[in-house]
Structure formats: C-alpha cells, structure tokens
mmCIF file of all heavy atoms, coordinates in Angstrom:
data_MODEL
# 
_entry.id   MODEL 
# 
loop_
_atom_site.group_PDB 
_atom_site.id 
_atom_site.type_symbol 
_atom_site.label_atom_id 
_atom_site.label_alt_id 
_atom_site.label_comp_id 
_atom_site.label_asym_id 
_atom_site.label_entity_id 
_atom_site.label_seq_id 
_atom_site.pdbx_PDB_ins_code 
_atom_site.Cartn_x 
_atom_site.Cartn_y 
_atom_site.Cartn_z 
_atom_site.occupancy 
_atom_site.B_iso_or_equiv 
_atom_site.pdbx_formal_charge 
_atom_site.auth_seq_id 
_atom_site.auth_comp_id 
_atom_site.auth_asym_id 
_atom_site.auth_atom_id 
_atom_site.pdbx_PDB_model_num 
ATOM 1   N N   . ALA A 1 1  ? -111.942 -84.053 -3.571  1.00 0.00 ? 1  ALA A N   1 
ATOM 2   C CA  . ALA A 1 1  ? -113.086 -83.265 -2.917  1.00 0.00 ? 1  ALA A CA  1 
ATOM 3   C C   . ALA A 1 1  ? -113.579 -82.162 -3.892  1.00 0.00 ? 1  ALA A C   1 
ATOM 4   O O   . ALA A 1 1  ? -114.829 -82.028 -4.013  1.00 0.00 ? 1  ALA A O   1 
ATOM 5   C CB  . ALA A 1 1  ? -112.501 -82.637 -1.693  1.00 0.00 ? 1  ALA A CB  1 
ATOM 6   N N   . LEU A 1 2  ? -112.720 -81.541 -4.660  1.00 0.00 ? 2  LEU A N   1 
ATOM 7   C CA  . LEU A 1 2  ? -113.223 -80.552 -5.566  1.00 0.00 ? 2  LEU A CA  1 
ATOM 8   C C   . LEU A 1 2  ? -114.078 -81.253 -6.684  1.00 0.00 ? 2  LEU A C   1 
ATOM 9   O O   . LEU A 1 2  ? -115.052 -80.736 -7.131  1.00 0.00 ? 2  LEU A O   1 
ATOM 10  C CB  . LEU A 1 2  ? -112.006 -79.838 -6.315  1.00 0.00 ? 2  LEU A CB  1 
ATOM 11  C CG  . LEU A 1 2  ? -111.333 -78.749 -5.570  1.00 0.00 ? 2  LEU A CG  1 
ATOM 12  C CD1 . LEU A 1 2  ? -110.247 -78.075 -6.445  1.00 0.00 ? 2  LEU A CD1 1 
ATOM 13  C CD2 . LEU A 1 2  ? -112.372 -77.598 -5.300  1.00 0.00 ? 2  LEU A CD2 1 
ATOM 14  N N   . ALA A 1 3  ? -113.619 -82.333 -7.207  1.00 0.00 ? 3  ALA A N   1 
ATOM 15  C CA  . ALA A 1 3  ? -114.308 -83.075 -8.248  1.00 0.00 ? 3  ALA A CA  1 
ATOM 16  C C   . ALA A 1 3  ? -115.647 -83.497 -7.682  1.00 0.00 ? 3  ALA A C   1 
ATOM 17  O O   . ALA A 1 3  ? -116.727 -83.463 -8.486  1.00 0.00 ? 3  ALA A O   1 
ATOM 18  C CB  . ALA A 1 3  ? -113.571 -84.257 -8.754  1.00 0.00 ? 3  ALA A CB  1 
ATOM 19  N N   . ALA A 1 4  ? -115.804 -84.068 -6.503  1.00 0.00 ? 4  ALA A N   1 
ATOM 20  C CA  . ALA A 1 4  ? -117.073 -84.433 -5.914  1.00 0.00 ? 4  ALA A CA  1 
ATOM 21  C C   . ALA A 1 4  ? -117.994 -83.252 -5.777  1.00 0.00 ? 4  ALA A C   1 
ATOM 22  O O   . ALA A 1 4  ? -119.255 -83.413 -6.068  1.00 0.00 ? 4  ALA A O   1 
ATOM 23  C CB  . ALA A 1 4  ? -116.839 -85.161 -4.668  1.00 0.00 ? 4  ALA A CB  1 
ATOM 24  N N   . ILE A 1 5  ? -117.500 -82.125 -5.427  1.00 0.00 ? 5  ILE A N   1 
ATOM 25  C CA  . ILE A 1 5  ? -118.310 -80.969 -5.312  1.00 0.00 ? 5  ILE A CA  1 
ATOM 26  C C   . ILE A 1 5  ? -118.895 -80.515 -6.638  1.00 0.00 ? 5  ILE A C   1 
ATOM 27  O O   . ILE A 1 5  ? -120.104 -80.162 -6.837  1.00 0.00 ? 5  ILE A O   1 
ATOM 28  C CB  . ILE A 1 5  ? -117.563 -79.740 -4.605  1.00 0.00 ? 5  ILE A CB  1 
ATOM 29  C CG1 . ILE A 1 5  ? -117.342 -80.202 -3.128  1.00 0.00 ? 5  ILE A CG1 1 
ATOM 30  C CG2 . ILE A 1 5  ? -118.393 -78.520 -4.632  1.00 0.00 ? 5  ILE A CG2 1 
ATOM 31  C CD1 . ILE A 1 5  ? -116.368 -79.213 -2.390  1.00 0.00 ? 5  ILE A CD1 1 
ATOM 32  N N   . GLU A 1 6  ? -118.013 -80.678 -7.632  1.00 0.00 ? 6  GLU A N   1 
ATOM 33  C CA  . GLU A 1 6  ? -118.390 -80.314 -9.058  1.00 0.00 ? 6  GLU A CA  1 
ATOM 34  C C   . GLU A 1 6  ? -119.528 -81.304 -9.521  1.00 0.00 ? 6  GLU A C   1 
ATOM 35  O O   . GLU A 1 6  ? -120.494 -80.885 -10.170 1.00 0.00 ? 6  GLU A O   1 
ATOM 36  C CB  . GLU A 1 6  ? -117.183 -80.405 -9.977  1.00 0.00 ? 6  GLU A CB  1 
ATOM 37  C CG  . GLU A 1 6  ? -117.596 -80.345 -11.439 1.00 0.00 ? 6  GLU A CG  1 
ATOM 38  C CD  . GLU A 1 6  ? -118.278 -79.125 -11.938 1.00 0.00 ? 6  GLU A CD  1 
ATOM 39  O OE1 . GLU A 1 6  ? -118.326 -78.071 -11.231 1.00 0.00 ? 6  GLU A OE1 1 
ATOM 40  O OE2 . GLU A 1 6  ? -118.879 -79.246 -13.059 1.00 0.00 ? 6  GLU A OE2 1 
ATOM 41  N N   . LEU A 1 7  ? -119.397 -82.533 -9.181  1.00 0.00 ? 7  LEU A N   1 
ATOM 42  C CA  . LEU A 1 7  ? -120.412 -83.579 -9.461  1.00 0.00 ? 7  LEU A CA  1 
ATOM 43  C C   . LEU A 1 7  ? -121.724 -83.156 -8.855  1.00 0.00 ? 7  LEU A C   1 
ATOM 44  O O   . LEU A 1 7  ? -122.759 -83.289 -9.409  1.00 0.00 ? 7  LEU A O   1 
ATOM 45  C CB  . LEU A 1 7  ? -119.952 -84.938 -9.096  1.00 0.00 ? 7  LEU A CB  1 
ATOM 46  C CG  . LEU A 1 7  ? -121.017 -86.018 -9.289  1.00 0.00 ? 7  LEU A CG  1 
ATOM 47  C CD1 . LEU A 1 7  ? -121.427 -86.250 -10.741 1.00 0.00 ? 7  LEU A CD1 1 
ATOM 48  C CD2 . LEU A 1 7  ? -120.398 -87.337 -8.730  1.00 0.00 ? 7  LEU A CD2 1 
ATOM 49  N N   . MET A 1 8  ? -121.678 -82.800 -7.489  1.00 0.00 ? 8  MET A N   1 
ATOM 50  C CA  . MET A 1 8  ? -122.870 -82.357 -6.792  1.00 0.00 ? 8  MET A CA  1 
ATOM 51  C C   . MET A 1 8  ? -123.556 -81.254 -7.571  1.00 0.00 ? 8  MET A C   1 
ATOM 52  O O   . MET A 1 8  ? -124.767 -81.216 -7.771  1.00 0.00 ? 8  MET A O   1 
ATOM 53  C CB  . MET A 1 8  ? -122.523 -81.930 -5.446  1.00 0.00 ? 8  MET A CB  1 
ATOM 54  C CG  . MET A 1 8  ? -123.695 -81.392 -4.601  1.00 0.00 ? 8  MET A CG  1 
ATOM 55  S SD  . MET A 1 8  ? -123.252 -80.820 -3.024  1.00 0.00 ? 8  MET A SD  1 
ATOM 56  C CE  . MET A 1 8  ? -122.316 -79.338 -3.343  1.00 0.00 ? 8  MET A CE  1 
ATOM 57  N N   . HIS A 1 9  ? -122.824 -80.157 -8.030  1.00 0.00 ? 9  HIS A N   1 
ATOM 58  C CA  . HIS A 1 9  ? -123.388 -79.062 -8.736  1.00 0.00 ? 9  HIS A CA  1 
ATOM 59  C C   . HIS A 1 9  ? -124.151 -79.597 -10.030 1.00 0.00 ? 9  HIS A C   1 
ATOM 60  O O   . HIS A 1 9  ? -125.230 -79.140 -10.322 1.00 0.00 ? 9  HIS A O   1 
ATOM 61  C CB  . HIS A 1 9  ? -122.319 -78.135 -9.252  1.00 0.00 ? 9  HIS A CB  1 
ATOM 62  C CG  . HIS A 1 9  ? -121.555 -77.450 -8.056  1.00 0.00 ? 9  HIS A CG  1 
ATOM 63  N ND1 . HIS A 1 9  ? -122.141 -77.292 -6.875  1.00 0.00 ? 9  HIS A ND1 1 
ATOM 64  C CD2 . HIS A 1 9  ? -120.336 -76.932 -8.001  1.00 0.00 ? 9  HIS A CD2 1 
ATOM 65  C CE1 . HIS A 1 9  ? -121.292 -76.553 -6.024  1.00 0.00 ? 9  HIS A CE1 1 
ATOM 66  N NE2 . HIS A 1 9  ? -120.148 -76.384 -6.742  1.00 0.00 ? 9  HIS A NE2 1 
ATOM 67  N N   . ARG A 1 10 ? -123.523 -80.589 -10.708 1.00 0.00 ? 10 ARG A N   1 
ATOM 68  C CA  . ARG A 1 10 ? -124.060 -80.999 -11.950 1.00 0.00 ? 10 ARG A CA  1 
ATOM 69  C C   . ARG A 1 10 ? -125.262 -81.872 -11.727 1.00 0.00 ? 10 ARG A C   1 
ATOM 70  O O   . ARG A 1 10 ? -126.305 -81.817 -12.499 1.00 0.00 ? 10 ARG A O   1 
ATOM 71  C CB  . ARG A 1 10 ? -123.095 -81.820 -12.715 1.00 0.00 ? 10 ARG A CB  1 
ATOM 72  C CG  . ARG A 1 10 ? -121.938 -80.938 -13.281 1.00 0.00 ? 10 ARG A CG  1 
ATOM 73  C CD  . ARG A 1 10 ? -120.854 -81.703 -14.122 1.00 0.00 ? 10 ARG A CD  1 
ATOM 74  N NE  . ARG A 1 10 ? -121.612 -82.377 -15.211 1.00 0.00 ? 10 ARG A NE  1 
ATOM 75  C CZ  . ARG A 1 10 ? -121.471 -83.717 -15.410 1.00 0.00 ? 10 ARG A CZ  1 
ATOM 76  N NH1 . ARG A 1 10 ? -120.723 -84.478 -14.645 1.00 0.00 ? 10 ARG A NH1 1 
ATOM 77  N NH2 . ARG A 1 10 ? -122.044 -84.333 -16.409 1.00 0.00 ? 10 ARG A NH2 1 
ATOM 78  N N   . VAL A 1 11 ? -125.385 -82.690 -10.718 1.00 0.00 ? 11 VAL A N   1 
ATOM 79  C CA  . VAL A 1 11 ? -126.570 -83.457 -10.353 1.00 0.00 ? 11 VAL A CA  1 
ATOM 80  C C   . VAL A 1 11 ? -127.692 -82.526 -10.042 1.00 0.00 ? 11 VAL A C   1 
ATOM 81  O O   . VAL A 1 11 ? -128.821 -82.667 -10.458 1.00 0.00 ? 11 VAL A O   1 
ATOM 82  C CB  . VAL A 1 11 ? -126.359 -84.481 -9.184  1.00 0.00 ? 11 VAL A CB  1 
ATOM 83  C CG1 . VAL A 1 11 ? -127.599 -85.166 -8.784  1.00 0.00 ? 11 VAL A CG1 1 
ATOM 84  C CG2 . VAL A 1 11 ? -125.347 -85.500 -9.695  1.00 0.00 ? 11 VAL A CG2 1 
ATOM 85  N N   . TYR A 1 12 ? -127.306 -81.507 -9.180  1.00 0.00 ? 12 TYR A N   1 
ATOM 86  C CA  . TYR A 1 12 ? -128.369 -80.530 -8.805  1.00 0.00 ? 12 TYR A CA  1 
ATOM 87  C C   . TYR A 1 12 ? -128.919 -79.731 -10.009 1.00 0.00 ? 12 TYR A C   1 
ATOM 88  O O   . TYR A 1 12 ? -130.226 -79.612 -10.165 1.00 0.00 ? 12 TYR A O   1 
ATOM 89  C CB  . TYR A 1 12 ? -127.722 -79.511 -7.859  1.00 0.00 ? 12 TYR A CB  1 
ATOM 90  C CG  . TYR A 1 12 ? -128.643 -78.279 -7.515  1.00 0.00 ? 12 TYR A CG  1 
ATOM 91  C CD1 . TYR A 1 12 ? -129.675 -78.443 -6.591  1.00 0.00 ? 12 TYR A CD1 1 
ATOM 92  C CD2 . TYR A 1 12 ? -128.483 -77.105 -8.195  1.00 0.00 ? 12 TYR A CD2 1 
ATOM 93  C CE1 . TYR A 1 12 ? -130.537 -77.379 -6.353  1.00 0.00 ? 12 TYR A CE1 1 
ATOM 94  C CE2 . TYR A 1 12 ? -129.257 -76.026 -7.853  1.00 0.00 ? 12 TYR A CE2 1 
ATOM 95  C CZ  . TYR A 1 12 ? -130.274 -76.116 -6.974  1.00 0.00 ? 12 TYR A CZ  1 
ATOM 96  O OH  . TYR A 1 12 ? -131.051 -75.052 -6.657  1.00 0.00 ? 12 TYR A OH  1 
ATOM 97  N N   . SER A 1 13 ? -128.124 -79.308 -10.900 1.00 0.00 ? 13 SER A N   1 
ATOM 98  C CA  . SER A 1 13 ? -128.564 -78.592 -12.069 1.00 0.00 ? 13 SER A CA  1 
ATOM 99  C C   . SER A 1 13 ? -129.171 -79.346 -13.121 1.00 0.00 ? 13 SER A C   1 
ATOM 100 O O   . SER A 1 13 ? -129.909 -78.878 -13.954 1.00 0.00 ? 13 SER A O   1 
ATOM 101 C CB  . SER A 1 13 ? -127.414 -77.736 -12.628 1.00 0.00 ? 13 SER A CB  1 
ATOM 102 O OG  . SER A 1 13 ? -126.360 -78.494 -13.111 1.00 0.00 ? 13 SER A OG  1 
ATOM 103 N N   . GLY A 1 14 ? -128.775 -80.713 -13.257 1.00 0.00 ? 14 GLY A N   1 
ATOM 104 C CA  . GLY A 1 14 ? -129.270 -81.530 -14.288 1.00 0.00 ? 14 GLY A CA  1 
ATOM 105 C C   . GLY A 1 14 ? -130.512 -82.364 -14.005 1.00 0.00 ? 14 GLY A C   1 
ATOM 106 O O   . GLY A 1 14 ? -131.072 -82.955 -14.892 1.00 0.00 ? 14 GLY A O   1 
ATOM 107 N N   . PHE A 1 15 ? -130.974 -82.343 -12.743 1.00 0.00 ? 15 PHE A N   1 
ATOM 108 C CA  . PHE A 1 15 ? -132.133 -83.020 -12.362 1.00 0.00 ? 15 PHE A CA  1 
ATOM 109 C C   . PHE A 1 15 ? -133.115 -82.130 -11.754 1.00 0.00 ? 15 PHE A C   1 
ATOM 110 O O   . PHE A 1 15 ? -132.771 -81.106 -11.151 1.00 0.00 ? 15 PHE A O   1 
ATOM 111 C CB  . PHE A 1 15 ? -131.698 -84.151 -11.366 1.00 0.00 ? 15 PHE A CB  1 
ATOM 112 C CG  . PHE A 1 15 ? -130.949 -85.263 -11.985 1.00 0.00 ? 15 PHE A CG  1 
ATOM 113 C CD1 . PHE A 1 15 ? -129.619 -85.138 -12.341 1.00 0.00 ? 15 PHE A CD1 1 
ATOM 114 C CD2 . PHE A 1 15 ? -131.585 -86.520 -12.243 1.00 0.00 ? 15 PHE A CD2 1 
ATOM 115 C CE1 . PHE A 1 15 ? -128.927 -86.131 -12.861 1.00 0.00 ? 15 PHE A CE1 1 
ATOM 116 C CE2 . PHE A 1 15 ? -130.810 -87.549 -12.932 1.00 0.00 ? 15 PHE A CE2 1 
ATOM 117 C CZ  . PHE A 1 15 ? -129.469 -87.341 -13.250 1.00 0.00 ? 15 PHE A CZ  1 
ATOM 118 N N   . THR A 1 16 ? -134.390 -82.530 -11.782 1.00 0.00 ? 16 THR A N   1 
ATOM 119 C CA  . THR A 1 16 ? -135.541 -81.686 -11.208 1.00 0.00 ? 16 THR A CA  1 
ATOM 120 C C   . THR A 1 16 ? -136.051 -82.375 -10.029 1.00 0.00 ? 16 THR A C   1 
ATOM 121 O O   . THR A 1 16 ? -136.415 -83.565 -10.068 1.00 0.00 ? 16 THR A O   1 
ATOM 122 C CB  . THR A 1 16 ? -136.636 -81.539 -12.276 1.00 0.00 ? 16 THR A CB  1 
ATOM 123 O OG1 . THR A 1 16 ? -136.123 -80.774 -13.429 1.00 0.00 ? 16 THR A OG1 1 
ATOM 124 C CG2 . THR A 1 16 ? -137.749 -80.606 -11.672 1.00 0.00 ? 16 THR A CG2 1 
ATOM 125 N N   . TYR A 1 17 ? -136.136 -81.650 -8.935  1.00 0.00 ? 17 TYR A N   1 
ATOM 126 C CA  . TYR A 1 17 ? -136.763 -82.175 -7.691  1.00 0.00 ? 17 TYR A CA  1 
ATOM 127 C C   . TYR A 1 17 ? -138.322 -82.079 -7.801  1.00 0.00 ? 17 TYR A C   1 
ATOM 128 O O   . TYR A 1 17 ? -138.789 -80.953 -7.938  1.00 0.00 ? 17 TYR A O   1 
ATOM 129 C CB  . TYR A 1 17 ? -136.277 -81.534 -6.389  1.00 0.00 ? 17 TYR A CB  1 
ATOM 130 C CG  . TYR A 1 17 ? -136.952 -82.007 -5.156  1.00 0.00 ? 17 TYR A CG  1 
ATOM 131 C CD1 . TYR A 1 17 ? -136.373 -83.108 -4.434  1.00 0.00 ? 17 TYR A CD1 1 
ATOM 132 C CD2 . TYR A 1 17 ? -138.060 -81.481 -4.710  1.00 0.00 ? 17 TYR A CD2 1 
ATOM 133 C CE1 . TYR A 1 17 ? -136.959 -83.561 -3.295  1.00 0.00 ? 17 TYR A CE1 1 
ATOM 134 C CE2 . TYR A 1 17 ? -138.708 -81.891 -3.502  1.00 0.00 ? 17 TYR A CE2 1 
ATOM 135 C CZ  . TYR A 1 17 ? -138.126 -82.979 -2.868  1.00 0.00 ? 17 TYR A CZ  1 
ATOM 136 O OH  . TYR A 1 17 ? -138.755 -83.501 -1.783  1.00 0.00 ? 17 TYR A OH  1 
ATOM 137 N N   . ARG A 1 18 ? -138.982 -83.147 -7.683  1.00 0.00 ? 18 ARG A N   1 
ATOM 138 C CA  . ARG A 1 18 ? -140.423 -83.143 -7.758  1.00 0.00 ? 18 ARG A CA  1 
ATOM 139 C C   . ARG A 1 18 ? -141.004 -84.123 -6.840  1.00 0.00 ? 18 ARG A C   1 
ATOM 140 O O   . ARG A 1 18 ? -140.836 -85.390 -6.933  1.00 0.00 ? 18 ARG A O   1 
ATOM 141 C CB  . ARG A 1 18 ? -140.929 -83.405 -9.252  1.00 0.00 ? 18 ARG A CB  1 
ATOM 142 C CG  . ARG A 1 18 ? -142.483 -83.198 -9.395  1.00 0.00 ? 18 ARG A CG  1 
ATOM 143 C CD  . ARG A 1 18 ? -142.896 -83.424 -10.882 1.00 0.00 ? 18 ARG A CD  1 
ATOM 144 N NE  . ARG A 1 18 ? -142.248 -82.398 -11.613 1.00 0.00 ? 18 ARG A NE  1 
ATOM 145 C CZ  . ARG A 1 18 ? -141.804 -82.546 -12.904 1.00 0.00 ? 18 ARG A CZ  1 
ATOM 146 N NH1 . ARG A 1 18 ? -142.006 -83.751 -13.459 1.00 0.00 ? 18 ARG A NH1 1 
ATOM 147 N NH2 . ARG A 1 18 ? -141.154 -81.633 -13.529 1.00 0.00 ? 18 ARG A NH2 1 
ATOM 148 N N   . SER A 1 19 ? -141.762 -83.655 -5.854  1.00 0.00 ? 19 SER A N   1 
ATOM 149 C CA  . SER A 1 19 ? -142.320 -84.568 -4.794  1.00 0.00 ? 19 SER A CA  1 
ATOM 150 C C   . SER A 1 19 ? -143.270 -85.600 -5.440  1.00 0.00 ? 19 SER A C   1 
ATOM 151 O O   . SER A 1 19 ? -144.013 -85.254 -6.373  1.00 0.00 ? 19 SER A O   1 
ATOM 152 C CB  . SER A 1 19 ? -143.079 -83.703 -3.748  1.00 0.00 ? 19 SER A CB  1 
ATOM 153 O OG  . SER A 1 19 ? -143.684 -84.481 -2.720  1.00 0.00 ? 19 SER A OG  1 
ATOM 154 N N   . ARG A 1 20 ? -143.115 -86.796 -4.985  1.00 0.00 ? 20 ARG A N   1 
ATOM 155 C CA  . ARG A 1 20 ? -143.992 -87.933 -5.430  1.00 0.00 ? 20 ARG A CA  1 
ATOM 156 C C   . ARG A 1 20 ? -143.797 -88.362 -6.886  1.00 0.00 ? 20 ARG A C   1 
ATOM 157 O O   . ARG A 1 20 ? -144.552 -89.051 -7.482  1.00 0.00 ? 20 ARG A O   1 
ATOM 158 C CB  . ARG A 1 20 ? -145.430 -87.671 -5.178  1.00 0.00 ? 20 ARG A CB  1 
ATOM 159 C CG  . ARG A 1 20 ? -145.829 -87.461 -3.701  1.00 0.00 ? 20 ARG A CG  1 
ATOM 160 C CD  . ARG A 1 20 ? -147.283 -87.351 -3.454  1.00 0.00 ? 20 ARG A CD  1 
ATOM 161 N NE  . ARG A 1 20 ? -147.580 -87.116 -2.098  1.00 0.00 ? 20 ARG A NE  1 
ATOM 162 C CZ  . ARG A 1 20 ? -147.618 -85.907 -1.519  1.00 0.00 ? 20 ARG A CZ  1 
ATOM 163 N NH1 . ARG A 1 20 ? -147.320 -84.854 -2.159  1.00 0.00 ? 20 ARG A NH1 1 
ATOM 164 N NH2 . ARG A 1 20 ? -147.872 -85.956 -0.208  1.00 0.00 ? 20 ARG A NH2 1 
ATOM 165 N N   . SER A 1 21 ? -142.705 -87.811 -7.520  1.00 0.00 ? 21 SER A N   1 
ATOM 166 C CA  . SER A 1 21 ? -142.394 -88.269 -8.898  1.00 0.00 ? 21 SER A CA  1 
ATOM 167 C C   . SER A 1 21 ? -141.848 -89.608 -8.993  1.00 0.00 ? 21 SER A C   1 
ATOM 168 O O   . SER A 1 21 ? -141.923 -90.218 -10.111 1.00 0.00 ? 21 SER A O   1 
ATOM 169 C CB  . SER A 1 21 ? -141.415 -87.236 -9.577  1.00 0.00 ? 21 SER A CB  1 
ATOM 170 O OG  . SER A 1 21 ? -140.239 -87.188 -8.832  1.00 0.00 ? 21 SER A OG  1 
ATOM 171 N N   . THR A 1 22 ? -141.383 -90.198 -7.949  1.00 0.00 ? 22 THR A N   1 
ATOM 172 C CA  . THR A 1 22 ? -140.855 -91.477 -7.817  1.00 0.00 ? 22 THR A CA  1 
ATOM 173 C C   . THR A 1 22 ? -141.369 -92.121 -6.569  1.00 0.00 ? 22 THR A C   1 
ATOM 174 O O   . THR A 1 22 ? -141.833 -91.383 -5.679  1.00 0.00 ? 22 THR A O   1 
ATOM 175 C CB  . THR A 1 22 ? -139.302 -91.614 -7.980  1.00 0.00 ? 22 THR A CB  1 
ATOM 176 O OG1 . THR A 1 22 ? -138.741 -90.824 -6.841  1.00 0.00 ? 22 THR A OG1 1 
ATOM 177 C CG2 . THR A 1 22 ? -138.819 -91.027 -9.305  1.00 0.00 ? 22 THR A CG2 1 
ATOM 178 N N   . ASP A 1 23 ? -141.173 -93.450 -6.392  1.00 0.00 ? 23 ASP A N   1 
ATOM 179 C CA  . ASP A 1 23 ? -141.402 -94.118 -5.106  1.00 0.00 ? 23 ASP A CA  1 
ATOM 180 C C   . ASP A 1 23 ? -140.220 -94.864 -4.627  1.00 0.00 ? 23 ASP A C   1 
ATOM 181 O O   . ASP A 1 23 ? -139.141 -94.860 -5.400  1.00 0.00 ? 23 ASP A O   1 
ATOM 182 C CB  . ASP A 1 23 ? -142.684 -94.962 -5.108  1.00 0.00 ? 23 ASP A CB  1 
ATOM 183 C CG  . ASP A 1 23 ? -142.661 -96.027 -6.163  1.00 0.00 ? 23 ASP A CG  1 
ATOM 184 O OD1 . ASP A 1 23 ? -141.544 -96.592 -6.459  1.00 0.00 ? 23 ASP A OD1 1 
ATOM 185 O OD2 . ASP A 1 23 ? -143.739 -96.319 -6.801  1.00 0.00 ? 23 ASP A OD2 1 
ATOM 186 N N   . ILE A 1 24 ? -140.331 -95.606 -3.619  1.00 0.00 ? 24 ILE A N   1 
ATOM 187 C CA  . ILE A 1 24 ? -139.287 -96.336 -2.980  1.00 0.00 ? 24 ILE A CA  1 
ATOM 188 C C   . ILE A 1 24 ? -138.572 -97.264 -3.919  1.00 0.00 ? 24 ILE A C   1 
ATOM 189 O O   . ILE A 1 24 ? -137.334 -97.463 -4.067  1.00 0.00 ? 24 ILE A O   1 
ATOM 190 C CB  . ILE A 1 24 ? -139.599 -96.963 -1.687  1.00 0.00 ? 24 ILE A CB  1 
ATOM 191 C CG1 . ILE A 1 24 ? -139.949 -95.965 -0.582  1.00 0.00 ? 24 ILE A CG1 1 
ATOM 192 C CG2 . ILE A 1 24 ? -138.544 -98.037 -1.140  1.00 0.00 ? 24 ILE A CG2 1 
ATOM 193 C CD1 . ILE A 1 24 ? -140.575 -96.574 0.623   1.00 0.00 ? 24 ILE A CD1 1 
# 
C-alpha cells in the first residue's frame, strides 16, 4: 500500500494533465 501510494505521487508529479491532449 505504501509503495502504491508512492507510485501515485510519482505519476501525478511526472505527468501533466491537459484536457483534449489525447483521445480514447
């Protein structure tokens, strides 16, 4: 559980949320 939470932090900080930057 700790490791998965750490992975979540890294995905959040390492990727940029941008609407319509990808599609399905």
